[in-house]
Amino acid sequence: MRHNSNIRTEARGTADGGNITINTGNLVALEDSNITANAEKGFGGRISITAQGIFRSPDSDITATSEAGPQFSGIVQFNTPETDPSQGLFELPETVIDPAQQIAQNPCLRGGGEFTITGRGGFPSNPNKILSSDNVRVDLVKPVASKVNSTSTTKSQPSTSATDKPIVPARGWIFNEKGEVTLVAYDPTKTGVQRSSPTPASCAAVR
């Protein structure tokens, strides 16, 4: 309600004021907007308003009075939900925490953090334990060389002949002078004549 809007059930003479019943979400009365159920010589009427909120400016009235005196006044009843508008709110601390103060400025200060890798994937569950059969073993590999320009010349590779040395199955591995893993045809944990190439099973042993 705005700009001198009025809802009236006033009575003249000895008649009583009328009744006004309003059901709304919110009642707003501004700029001298009035709801009245007044009477001259009779009893004031009855005003019943049911709303979530009732808002009015100081110059807006909701009355049920009588000119005959206060004993002839009517009834003005406001029905609003019994809810506490402060419910669901929590009090914030007066001192705002600065996130910069929560970070350690000394990089040398040891903390209590830890990094753990467990389960499968090539790492033992403990540095002091060896790989179990369930773990995946990751061997050392050489980096892949970048491809040369297509315009560069390629060297011809000599053709292999039937006189090449036979392939001997690996029986162990060692680290060479470059720190690379090299497969060998003997057991590096043993010494003696076993370092020589074994006699193929298809050949007779020479006595």
C-alpha atoms as a PDB file:
ATOM      1  CA  MET A   1       0.000   0.000   0.000  1.00  0.00           C
ATOM      2  CA  ARG A   2       1.443   3.348  -1.075  1.00  0.00           C
ATOM      3  CA  HIS A   3       0.529   6.965  -1.724  1.00  0.00           C
ATOM      4  CA  ASN A   4      -2.297   7.441   0.821  1.00  0.00           C
ATOM      5  CA  SER A   5      -3.995   4.114   0.107  1.00  0.00           C
ATOM      6  CA  ASN A   6      -6.770   3.185   2.557  1.00  0.00           C
ATOM      7  CA  ILE A   7      -8.778   0.141   3.616  1.00  0.00           C
ATOM      8  CA  ARG A   8     -11.714   1.345   5.736  1.00  0.00           C
ATOM      9  CA  THR A   9     -14.877  -0.037   7.347  1.00  0.00           C
ATOM     10  CA  GLU A  10     -15.774   3.017   9.441  1.00  0.00           C
ATOM     11  CA  ALA A  11     -19.234   3.496  10.962  1.00  0.00           C
ATOM     12  CA  ARG A  12     -21.121   6.723  11.637  1.00  0.00           C
ATOM     13  CA  GLY A  13     -23.616   7.469  14.353  1.00  0.00           C
ATOM     14  CA  THR A  14     -24.141   4.722  16.881  1.00  0.00           C
ATOM     15  CA  ALA A  15     -23.185   1.920  14.488  1.00  0.00           C
ATOM     16  CA  ASP A  16     -20.176  -0.260  15.238  1.00  0.00           C
ATOM     17  CA  GLY A  17     -17.106  -0.384  13.042  1.00  0.00           C
ATOM     18  CA  GLY A  18     -16.815  -3.167  10.496  1.00  0.00           C
ATOM     19  CA  ASN A  19     -14.473  -6.154  10.355  1.00  0.00           C
ATOM     20  CA  ILE A  20     -11.355  -6.404   8.165  1.00  0.00           C
ATOM     21  CA  THR A  21      -9.560  -9.724   7.573  1.00  0.00           C
ATOM     22  CA  ILE A  22      -6.331  -9.804   5.546  1.00  0.00           C
ATOM     23  CA  ASN A  23      -4.284 -12.902   4.656  1.00  0.00           C
ATOM     24  CA  THR A  24      -1.064 -12.146   2.760  1.00  0.00           C
ATOM     25  CA  GLY A  25       2.577 -13.031   2.544  1.00  0.00           C
ATOM     26  CA  ASN A  26       3.830  -9.624   3.652  1.00  0.00           C
ATOM     27  CA  LEU A  27       1.872  -6.467   4.459  1.00  0.00           C
ATOM     28  CA  VAL A  28       3.617  -3.197   3.601  1.00  0.00           C
ATOM     29  CA  ALA A  29       1.959   0.173   4.301  1.00  0.00           C
ATOM     30  CA  LEU A  30       3.911   3.270   3.234  1.00  0.00           C
ATOM     31  CA  GLU A  31       3.318   6.984   2.630  1.00  0.00           C
ATOM     32  CA  ASP A  32       0.252   7.569   4.873  1.00  0.00           C
ATOM     33  CA  SER A  33      -1.550   4.363   3.898  1.00  0.00           C
ATOM     34  CA  ASN A  34      -4.096   3.306   6.534  1.00  0.00           C
ATOM     35  CA  ILE A  35      -6.237   0.339   7.543  1.00  0.00           C
ATOM     36  CA  THR A  36      -9.083   1.480   9.839  1.00  0.00           C
ATOM     37  CA  ALA A  37     -12.297   0.113  11.352  1.00  0.00           C
ATOM     38  CA  ASN A  38     -13.253   3.144  13.444  1.00  0.00           C
ATOM     39  CA  ALA A  39     -16.661   4.257  14.788  1.00  0.00           C
ATOM     40  CA  GLU A  40     -18.178   7.557  15.930  1.00  0.00           C
ATOM     41  CA  LYS A  41     -20.405   6.584  18.890  1.00  0.00           C
ATOM     42  CA  GLY A  42     -20.421   2.803  18.644  1.00  0.00           C
ATOM     43  CA  PHE A  43     -17.736   0.211  19.196  1.00  0.00           C
ATOM     44  CA  GLY A  44     -14.706   0.030  16.974  1.00  0.00           C
ATOM     45  CA  GLY A  45     -14.510  -2.849  14.551  1.00  0.00           C
ATOM     46  CA  ARG A  46     -12.157  -5.828  14.366  1.00  0.00           C
ATOM     47  CA  ILE A  47      -9.015  -6.009  12.210  1.00  0.00           C
ATOM     48  CA  SER A  48      -7.282  -9.383  11.757  1.00  0.00           C
ATOM     49  CA  ILE A  49      -4.094  -9.541   9.669  1.00  0.00           C
ATOM     50  CA  THR A  50      -2.228 -12.795   8.971  1.00  0.00           C
ATOM     51  CA  ALA A  51       1.147 -12.289   7.278  1.00  0.00           C
ATOM     52  CA  GLN A  52       4.762 -13.410   7.376  1.00  0.00           C
ATOM     53  CA  GLY A  53       5.778  -9.833   8.064  1.00  0.00           C
ATOM     54  CA  ILE A  54       4.044  -6.488   8.654  1.00  0.00           C
ATOM     55  CA  PHE A  55       5.934  -3.338   7.670  1.00  0.00           C
ATOM     56  CA  ARG A  56       4.588   0.228   7.852  1.00  0.00           C
ATOM     57  CA  SER A  57       5.914   3.748   7.900  1.00  0.00           C
ATOM     58  CA  PRO A  58       5.328   6.001  10.966  1.00  0.00           C
ATOM     59  CA  ASP A  59       2.552   7.924   9.184  1.00  0.00           C
ATOM     60  CA  SER A  60       0.596   4.757   8.290  1.00  0.00           C
ATOM     61  CA  ASP A  61      -2.019   3.580  10.827  1.00  0.00           C
ATOM     62  CA  ILE A  62      -3.860   0.341  11.575  1.00  0.00           C
ATOM     63  CA  THR A  63      -6.653   1.243  14.037  1.00  0.00           C
ATOM     64  CA  ALA A  64     -10.077   0.168  15.310  1.00  0.00           C
ATOM     65  CA  THR A  65     -10.977   3.045  17.643  1.00  0.00           C
ATOM     66  CA  SER A  66     -14.176   4.842  18.699  1.00  0.00           C
ATOM     67  CA  GLU A  67     -14.757   8.530  19.326  1.00  0.00           C
ATOM     68  CA  ALA A  68     -16.906   7.525  22.324  1.00  0.00           C
ATOM     69  CA  GLY A  69     -13.773   6.645  24.314  1.00  0.00           C
ATOM     70  CA  PRO A  70     -11.097   4.022  24.804  1.00  0.00           C
ATOM     71  CA  GLN A  71     -13.623   1.652  26.393  1.00  0.00           C
ATOM     72  CA  PHE A  72     -15.351   1.414  23.015  1.00  0.00           C
ATOM     73  CA  SER A  73     -12.184   0.555  21.080  1.00  0.00           C
ATOM     74  CA  GLY A  74     -12.249  -2.432  18.801  1.00  0.00           C
ATOM     75  CA  ILE A  75      -9.679  -5.209  18.289  1.00  0.00           C
ATOM     76  CA  VAL A  76      -6.547  -5.171  16.102  1.00  0.00           C
ATOM     77  CA  GLN A  77      -4.974  -8.625  15.831  1.00  0.00           C
ATOM     78  CA  PHE A  78      -1.723  -9.509  14.046  1.00  0.00           C
ATOM     79  CA  ASN A  79      -1.079 -13.179  13.270  1.00  0.00           C
ATOM     80  CA  THR A  80       2.557 -13.845  12.327  1.00  0.00           C
ATOM     81  CA  PRO A  81       4.420 -17.190  12.363  1.00  0.00           C
ATOM     82  CA  GLU A  82       6.213 -17.922  15.586  1.00  0.00           C
ATOM     83  CA  THR A  83       9.626 -18.033  13.977  1.00  0.00           C
ATOM     84  CA  ASP A  84      12.821 -16.538  15.264  1.00  0.00           C
ATOM     85  CA  PRO A  85      14.554 -14.669  12.417  1.00  0.00           C
ATOM     86  CA  SER A  86      17.883 -15.248  14.150  1.00  0.00           C
ATOM     87  CA  GLN A  87      17.463 -19.021  13.922  1.00  0.00           C
ATOM     88  CA  GLY A  88      19.974 -20.721  11.644  1.00  0.00           C
ATOM     89  CA  LEU A  89      22.501 -17.927  12.123  1.00  0.00           C
ATOM     90  CA  PHE A  90      25.823 -18.411  13.857  1.00  0.00           C
ATOM     91  CA  GLU A  91      28.125 -15.864  15.382  1.00  0.00           C
ATOM     92  CA  LEU A  92      31.264 -15.095  13.419  1.00  0.00           C
ATOM     93  CA  PRO A  93      34.527 -14.466  15.259  1.00  0.00           C
ATOM     94  CA  GLU A  94      35.427 -10.827  15.723  1.00  0.00           C
ATOM     95  CA  THR A  95      39.041 -11.454  14.701  1.00  0.00           C
ATOM     96  CA  VAL A  96      39.425 -12.614  11.113  1.00  0.00           C
ATOM     97  CA  ILE A  97      42.166 -15.215  10.657  1.00  0.00           C
ATOM     98  CA  ASP A  98      44.895 -14.197   8.221  1.00  0.00           C
ATOM     99  CA  PRO A  99      45.750 -17.210   6.007  1.00  0.00           C
ATOM    100  CA  ALA A 100      49.297 -15.905   5.594  1.00  0.00           C
ATOM    101  CA  GLN A 101      49.869 -16.435   9.306  1.00  0.00           C
ATOM    102  CA  GLN A 102      48.971 -20.119   8.988  1.00  0.00           C
ATOM    103  CA  ILE A 103      51.896 -20.896   6.619  1.00  0.00           C
ATOM    104  CA  ALA A 104      55.359 -21.695   7.971  1.00  0.00           C
ATOM    105  CA  GLN A 105      57.849 -19.151   6.670  1.00  0.00           C
ATOM    106  CA  ASN A 106      60.946 -21.252   7.476  1.00  0.00           C
ATOM    107  CA  PRO A 107      61.488 -23.792   4.664  1.00  0.00           C
ATOM    108  CA  CYS A 108      64.090 -25.611   6.788  1.00  0.00           C
ATOM    109  CA  LEU A 109      61.598 -26.310   9.566  1.00  0.00           C
ATOM    110  CA  ARG A 110      60.795 -29.993   9.596  1.00  0.00           C
ATOM    111  CA  GLY A 111      57.149 -30.911   9.747  1.00  0.00           C
ATOM    112  CA  GLY A 112      55.275 -34.079  10.494  1.00  0.00           C
ATOM    113  CA  GLY A 113      54.237 -34.869   6.936  1.00  0.00           C
ATOM    114  CA  GLU A 114      55.040 -38.131   5.208  1.00  0.00           C
ATOM    115  CA  PHE A 115      54.763 -39.629   1.742  1.00  0.00           C
ATOM    116  CA  THR A 116      53.844 -43.306   1.469  1.00  0.00           C
ATOM    117  CA  ILE A 117      53.397 -45.585  -1.541  1.00  0.00           C
ATOM    118  CA  THR A 118      51.901 -48.999  -0.860  1.00  0.00           C
ATOM    119  CA  GLY A 119      50.486 -51.799  -2.934  1.00  0.00           C
ATOM    120  CA  ARG A 120      51.324 -52.778  -6.472  1.00  0.00           C
ATOM    121  CA  GLY A 121      53.171 -50.577  -8.918  1.00  0.00           C
ATOM    122  CA  GLY A 122      56.893 -51.357  -8.652  1.00  0.00           C
ATOM    123  CA  PHE A 123      57.571 -50.079  -5.131  1.00  0.00           C
ATOM    124  CA  PRO A 124      57.900 -52.170  -1.963  1.00  0.00           C
ATOM    125  CA  SER A 125      55.706 -51.251   0.984  1.00  0.00           C
ATOM    126  CA  ASN A 126      58.847 -50.552   3.021  1.00  0.00           C
ATOM    127  CA  PRO A 127      62.334 -49.396   1.885  1.00  0.00           C
ATOM    128  CA  ASN A 128      63.848 -52.286   3.867  1.00  0.00           C
ATOM    129  CA  LYS A 129      61.769 -54.919   2.058  1.00  0.00           C
ATOM    130  CA  ILE A 130      62.371 -56.486  -1.323  1.00  0.00           C
ATOM    131  CA  LEU A 131      59.869 -56.639  -4.144  1.00  0.00           C
ATOM    132  CA  SER A 132      57.290 -59.377  -3.755  1.00  0.00           C
ATOM    133  CA  SER A 133      55.990 -61.513  -6.574  1.00  0.00           C
ATOM    134  CA  ASP A 134      52.854 -59.367  -6.740  1.00  0.00           C
ATOM    135  CA  ASN A 135      54.816 -56.215  -7.565  1.00  0.00           C
ATOM    136  CA  VAL A 136      55.526 -55.062 -11.085  1.00  0.00           C
ATOM    137  CA  ARG A 137      59.250 -54.820 -11.790  1.00  0.00           C
ATOM    138  CA  VAL A 138      60.326 -51.725 -13.695  1.00  0.00           C
ATOM    139  CA  ASP A 139      63.664 -52.120 -15.529  1.00  0.00           C
ATOM    140  CA  LEU A 140      65.985 -49.303 -16.483  1.00  0.00           C
ATOM    141  CA  VAL A 141      65.503 -48.083 -20.033  1.00  0.00           C
ATOM    142  CA  LYS A 142      67.443 -45.769 -22.297  1.00  0.00           C
ATOM    143  CA  PRO A 143      65.851 -42.517 -23.443  1.00  0.00           C
ATOM    144  CA  VAL A 144      64.464 -42.610 -26.956  1.00  0.00           C
ATOM    145  CA  ALA A 145      66.625 -40.596 -29.335  1.00  0.00           C
ATOM    146  CA  SER A 146      64.883 -37.918 -31.332  1.00  0.00           C
ATOM    147  CA  LYS A 147      64.272 -38.625 -35.002  1.00  0.00           C
ATOM    148  CA  VAL A 148      66.693 -37.038 -37.444  1.00  0.00           C
ATOM    149  CA  ASN A 149      65.575 -34.811 -40.275  1.00  0.00           C
ATOM    150  CA  SER A 150      64.009 -36.635 -43.195  1.00  0.00           C
ATOM    151  CA  THR A 151      66.574 -35.012 -45.514  1.00  0.00           C
ATOM    152  CA  SER A 152      69.521 -36.579 -43.682  1.00  0.00           C
ATOM    153  CA  THR A 153      71.168 -39.564 -45.284  1.00  0.00           C
ATOM    154  CA  THR A 154      70.874 -42.965 -43.664  1.00  0.00           C
ATOM    155  CA  LYS A 155      73.800 -45.301 -43.421  1.00  0.00           C
ATOM    156  CA  SER A 156      73.384 -48.699 -44.950  1.00  0.00           C
ATOM    157  CA  GLN A 157      73.440 -51.481 -42.404  1.00  0.00           C
ATOM    158  CA  PRO A 158      75.516 -54.543 -43.221  1.00  0.00           C
ATOM    159  CA  SER A 159      73.399 -57.549 -43.898  1.00  0.00           C
ATOM    160  CA  THR A 160      73.498 -60.295 -41.341  1.00  0.00           C
ATOM    161  CA  SER A 161      74.896 -63.587 -42.441  1.00  0.00           C
ATOM    162  CA  ALA A 162      74.534 -67.090 -41.244  1.00  0.00           C
ATOM    163  CA  THR A 163      77.976 -66.831 -39.626  1.00  0.00           C
ATOM    164  CA  ASP A 164      76.696 -64.556 -36.830  1.00  0.00           C
ATOM    165  CA  LYS A 165      77.282 -65.698 -33.302  1.00  0.00           C
ATOM    166  CA  PRO A 166      74.450 -67.742 -31.804  1.00  0.00           C
ATOM    167  CA  ILE A 167      72.202 -66.089 -29.233  1.00  0.00           C
ATOM    168  CA  VAL A 168      73.037 -67.255 -25.732  1.00  0.00           C
ATOM    169  CA  PRO A 169      70.299 -66.966 -23.095  1.00  0.00           C
ATOM    170  CA  ALA A 170      71.017 -64.546 -20.263  1.00  0.00           C
ATOM    171  CA  ARG A 171      71.751 -66.002 -16.855  1.00  0.00           C
ATOM    172  CA  GLY A 172      72.249 -62.787 -14.880  1.00  0.00           C
ATOM    173  CA  TRP A 173      72.780 -59.055 -15.035  1.00  0.00           C
ATOM    174  CA  ILE A 174      75.467 -56.565 -13.980  1.00  0.00           C
ATOM    175  CA  PHE A 175      76.030 -52.791 -13.968  1.00  0.00           C
ATOM    176  CA  ASN A 176      78.521 -51.572 -16.561  1.00  0.00           C
ATOM    177  CA  GLU A 177      80.873 -48.591 -16.169  1.00  0.00           C
ATOM    178  CA  LYS A 178      78.023 -46.236 -17.182  1.00  0.00           C
ATOM    179  CA  GLY A 179      75.729 -47.539 -14.482  1.00  0.00           C
ATOM    180  CA  GLU A 180      73.508 -49.326 -16.998  1.00  0.00           C
ATOM    181  CA  VAL A 181      72.085 -52.796 -16.514  1.00  0.00           C
ATOM    182  CA  THR A 182      73.693 -55.334 -18.876  1.00  0.00           C
ATOM    183  CA  LEU A 183      72.471 -58.903 -19.364  1.00  0.00           C
ATOM    184  CA  VAL A 184      75.243 -61.534 -19.270  1.00  0.00           C
ATOM    185  CA  ALA A 185      75.382 -65.228 -20.155  1.00  0.00           C
ATOM    186  CA  TYR A 186      76.788 -66.251 -16.773  1.00  0.00           C
ATOM    187  CA  ASP A 187      75.799 -66.016 -13.154  1.00  0.00           C
ATOM    188  CA  PRO A 188      77.677 -62.979 -11.755  1.00  0.00           C
ATOM    189  CA  THR A 189      77.384 -64.354  -8.223  1.00  0.00           C
ATOM    190  CA  LYS A 190      79.628 -67.301  -9.077  1.00  0.00           C
ATOM    191  CA  THR A 191      83.208 -67.636 -10.331  1.00  0.00           C
ATOM    192  CA  GLY A 192      85.117 -70.195 -12.299  1.00  0.00           C
ATOM    193  CA  VAL A 193      84.669 -71.916 -15.608  1.00  0.00           C
ATOM    194  CA  GLN A 194      80.964 -71.150 -15.671  1.00  0.00           C
ATOM    195  CA  ARG A 195      81.813 -67.788 -17.279  1.00  0.00           C
ATOM    196  CA  SER A 196      82.541 -69.588 -20.542  1.00  0.00           C
ATOM    197  CA  SER A 197      79.732 -70.252 -22.977  1.00  0.00           C
ATOM    198  CA  PRO A 198      77.750 -73.379 -22.028  1.00  0.00           C
ATOM    199  CA  THR A 199      77.775 -76.356 -24.341  1.00  0.00           C
ATOM    200  CA  PRO A 200      74.538 -76.591 -26.335  1.00  0.00           C
ATOM    201  CA  ALA A 201      72.397 -79.595 -25.460  1.00  0.00           C
ATOM    202  CA  SER A 202      72.402 -80.713 -29.079  1.00  0.00           C
ATOM    203  CA  CYS A 203      76.182 -81.154 -29.102  1.00  0.00           C
ATOM    204  CA  ALA A 204      78.002 -84.056 -27.536  1.00  0.00           C
ATOM    205  CA  ALA A 205      80.243 -83.240 -24.621  1.00  0.00           C
ATOM    206  CA  VAL A 206      83.912 -83.230 -25.521  1.00  0.00           C
ATOM    207  CA  ARG A 207      85.943 -85.296 -23.123  1.00  0.00           C
END
